[in-house]
């Protein structure tokens, strides 16, 4: 697996986990996990080619932290 494939896998995994967390309660643990996944996506979004692989949206609007 090359770097781009690895980043794609991480992006999809973070997005899938965030979708699952939407249905869960707002315990400190769940909120912490949301923050961690959102932060990971925001870091990857700094990659010059992030938009080309589908990370072209406002992450905090799609996955609000409040």
N, C-alpha and C. Protein backbone atom coordinates (compact mmCIF):
# COMPACT_ATOMS: atom_id res chain seq x y z
N UNK A 1 0.85 -1.17 0.00
CA UNK A 1 0.00 0.00 0.00
C UNK A 1 0.90 1.24 0.00
N UNK A 2 0.61 2.18 -0.88
CA UNK A 2 1.42 3.40 -0.92
C UNK A 2 0.82 4.48 -0.01
N UNK A 3 1.46 5.64 0.03
CA UNK A 3 1.05 6.71 0.94
C UNK A 3 -0.37 7.21 0.64
N UNK A 4 -0.68 7.37 -0.62
CA UNK A 4 -2.01 7.87 -0.99
C UNK A 4 -3.09 6.86 -0.59
N UNK A 5 -2.85 5.60 -0.85
CA UNK A 5 -3.82 4.57 -0.45
C UNK A 5 -3.99 4.53 1.06
N UNK A 6 -2.91 4.73 1.77
CA UNK A 6 -2.97 4.74 3.23
C UNK A 6 -3.79 5.93 3.73
N UNK A 7 -3.54 7.10 3.16
CA UNK A 7 -4.32 8.28 3.55
C UNK A 7 -5.80 8.11 3.22
N UNK A 8 -6.10 7.53 2.09
CA UNK A 8 -7.50 7.28 1.73
C UNK A 8 -8.16 6.35 2.74
N UNK A 9 -7.46 5.34 3.16
CA UNK A 9 -7.97 4.40 4.15
C UNK A 9 -8.22 5.12 5.48
N UNK A 10 -7.30 5.97 5.89
CA UNK A 10 -7.46 6.72 7.14
C UNK A 10 -8.66 7.66 7.04
N UNK A 11 -8.80 8.36 5.93
CA UNK A 11 -9.93 9.28 5.73
C UNK A 11 -11.24 8.53 5.84
N UNK A 12 -11.37 7.42 5.11
CA UNK A 12 -12.63 6.66 5.11
C UNK A 12 -12.92 6.10 6.51
N UNK A 13 -11.89 5.64 7.19
CA UNK A 13 -12.07 5.09 8.52
C UNK A 13 -12.55 6.17 9.49
N UNK A 14 -11.93 7.34 9.44
CA UNK A 14 -12.36 8.45 10.30
C UNK A 14 -13.81 8.83 10.02
N UNK A 15 -14.17 8.93 8.74
CA UNK A 15 -15.54 9.30 8.38
C UNK A 15 -16.54 8.24 8.85
N UNK A 16 -16.21 6.98 8.68
CA UNK A 16 -17.11 5.91 9.13
C UNK A 16 -17.28 5.94 10.65
N UNK A 17 -16.20 6.14 11.36
CA UNK A 17 -16.27 6.19 12.82
C UNK A 17 -17.08 7.39 13.29
N UNK A 18 -16.91 8.53 12.64
CA UNK A 18 -17.68 9.72 13.01
C UNK A 18 -19.18 9.50 12.77
N UNK A 19 -19.52 8.81 11.70
CA UNK A 19 -20.94 8.53 11.43
C UNK A 19 -21.52 7.62 12.51
N UNK A 20 -20.75 6.64 12.95
CA UNK A 20 -21.22 5.75 14.02
C UNK A 20 -21.38 6.51 15.33
N UNK A 21 -20.48 7.44 15.60
CA UNK A 21 -20.53 8.20 16.85
C UNK A 21 -21.72 9.15 16.91
N UNK A 22 -22.27 9.54 15.74
CA UNK A 22 -23.42 10.44 15.72
C UNK A 22 -24.61 9.84 16.47
N UNK A 23 -24.74 8.54 16.45
CA UNK A 23 -25.87 7.87 17.07
C UNK A 23 -25.64 7.60 18.56
N UNK A 24 -24.47 7.91 19.06
CA UNK A 24 -24.14 7.60 20.45
C UNK A 24 -24.40 8.81 21.35
N UNK A 25 -24.41 8.54 22.65
CA UNK A 25 -24.62 9.61 23.63
C UNK A 25 -23.44 10.58 23.61
N UNK A 26 -23.60 11.66 24.36
CA UNK A 26 -22.54 12.67 24.41
C UNK A 26 -21.70 12.54 25.67
N UNK A 27 -21.31 11.33 25.99
CA UNK A 27 -20.43 11.14 27.14
C UNK A 27 -19.07 11.77 26.83
N UNK A 28 -18.28 12.01 27.86
CA UNK A 28 -16.96 12.61 27.66
C UNK A 28 -16.11 11.77 26.71
N UNK A 29 -16.22 10.47 26.83
CA UNK A 29 -15.44 9.57 25.99
C UNK A 29 -15.82 9.73 24.52
N UNK A 30 -17.11 9.75 24.23
CA UNK A 30 -17.58 9.87 22.84
C UNK A 30 -17.20 11.23 22.27
N UNK A 31 -17.38 12.28 23.05
CA UNK A 31 -17.01 13.62 22.60
C UNK A 31 -15.51 13.69 22.31
N UNK A 32 -14.71 13.08 23.16
CA UNK A 32 -13.26 13.04 22.94
C UNK A 32 -12.90 12.31 21.65
N UNK A 33 -13.60 11.21 21.39
CA UNK A 33 -13.34 10.46 20.15
C UNK A 33 -13.70 11.31 18.93
N UNK A 34 -14.85 12.02 19.00
CA UNK A 34 -15.24 12.89 17.89
C UNK A 34 -14.16 13.92 17.61
N UNK A 35 -13.69 14.56 18.67
CA UNK A 35 -12.65 15.58 18.50
C UNK A 35 -11.41 14.98 17.85
N UNK A 36 -11.02 13.81 18.27
CA UNK A 36 -9.82 13.18 17.72
C UNK A 36 -9.98 12.87 16.23
N UNK A 37 -11.11 12.31 15.84
CA UNK A 37 -11.33 11.99 14.43
C UNK A 37 -11.40 13.25 13.57
N UNK A 38 -12.09 14.26 14.07
CA UNK A 38 -12.20 15.53 13.33
C UNK A 38 -10.82 16.15 13.18
N UNK A 39 -10.04 16.13 14.24
CA UNK A 39 -8.69 16.70 14.17
C UNK A 39 -7.83 15.94 13.15
N UNK A 40 -7.95 14.64 13.11
CA UNK A 40 -7.20 13.85 12.12
C UNK A 40 -7.57 14.27 10.70
N UNK A 41 -8.87 14.41 10.45
CA UNK A 41 -9.31 14.81 9.11
C UNK A 41 -8.82 16.22 8.77
N UNK A 42 -8.84 17.12 9.76
CA UNK A 42 -8.38 18.48 9.50
C UNK A 42 -6.88 18.51 9.20
N UNK A 43 -6.13 17.68 9.85
CA UNK A 43 -4.69 17.61 9.57
C UNK A 43 -4.46 17.09 8.15
N UNK A 44 -5.17 16.03 7.80
CA UNK A 44 -5.02 15.47 6.44
C UNK A 44 -5.47 16.47 5.39
N UNK A 45 -6.45 17.31 5.74
CA UNK A 45 -6.96 18.30 4.79
C UNK A 45 -5.87 19.31 4.39
N UNK A 46 -4.81 19.42 5.16
CA UNK A 46 -3.69 20.30 4.80
C UNK A 46 -2.86 19.74 3.65
N UNK A 47 -3.02 18.47 3.37
CA UNK A 47 -2.33 17.82 2.25
C UNK A 47 -2.78 18.48 0.95
N UNK A 48 -1.87 18.80 0.10
CA UNK A 48 -2.17 19.51 -1.14
C UNK A 48 -3.18 18.79 -2.02
N UNK A 49 -3.24 17.47 -1.95
CA UNK A 49 -4.14 16.71 -2.81
C UNK A 49 -5.41 16.23 -2.10
N UNK A 50 -5.67 16.76 -0.92
CA UNK A 50 -6.83 16.31 -0.15
C UNK A 50 -8.15 16.49 -0.91
N UNK A 51 -8.28 17.61 -1.60
CA UNK A 51 -9.52 17.87 -2.35
C UNK A 51 -9.72 16.85 -3.47
N UNK A 52 -8.64 16.40 -4.03
CA UNK A 52 -8.73 15.44 -5.14
C UNK A 52 -9.24 14.07 -4.69
N UNK A 53 -9.13 13.79 -3.39
CA UNK A 53 -9.57 12.49 -2.89
C UNK A 53 -10.86 12.59 -2.05
N UNK A 54 -11.56 13.73 -2.19
CA UNK A 54 -12.86 13.85 -1.56
C UNK A 54 -12.91 14.57 -0.24
N UNK A 55 -11.80 15.08 0.23
CA UNK A 55 -11.77 15.79 1.50
C UNK A 55 -11.85 17.29 1.21
N UNK A 56 -12.93 17.65 0.50
CA UNK A 56 -13.11 19.03 0.03
C UNK A 56 -14.32 19.70 0.67
N UNK A 57 -14.60 19.37 1.91
CA UNK A 57 -15.75 19.92 2.60
C UNK A 57 -15.32 20.50 3.94
N UNK A 58 -16.20 21.29 4.54
CA UNK A 58 -15.93 21.86 5.87
C UNK A 58 -16.18 20.75 6.89
N UNK A 59 -15.14 20.23 7.45
CA UNK A 59 -15.23 19.06 8.33
C UNK A 59 -16.07 19.35 9.56
N UNK A 60 -15.86 20.51 10.18
CA UNK A 60 -16.62 20.82 11.40
C UNK A 60 -18.08 21.12 11.13
N UNK A 61 -18.43 21.48 9.91
CA UNK A 61 -19.86 21.64 9.57
C UNK A 61 -20.50 20.26 9.38
N UNK A 62 -19.79 19.35 8.76
CA UNK A 62 -20.33 18.01 8.55
C UNK A 62 -20.37 17.21 9.85
N UNK A 63 -19.35 17.39 10.67
CA UNK A 63 -19.25 16.67 11.94
C UNK A 63 -19.10 17.67 13.08
N UNK A 64 -20.19 18.35 13.45
CA UNK A 64 -20.10 19.38 14.49
C UNK A 64 -19.63 18.81 15.83
N UNK A 65 -18.84 19.61 16.52
CA UNK A 65 -18.28 19.18 17.79
C UNK A 65 -19.08 19.66 19.00
N UNK A 66 -20.13 20.40 18.77
CA UNK A 66 -20.95 20.88 19.89
C UNK A 66 -22.29 20.24 19.92
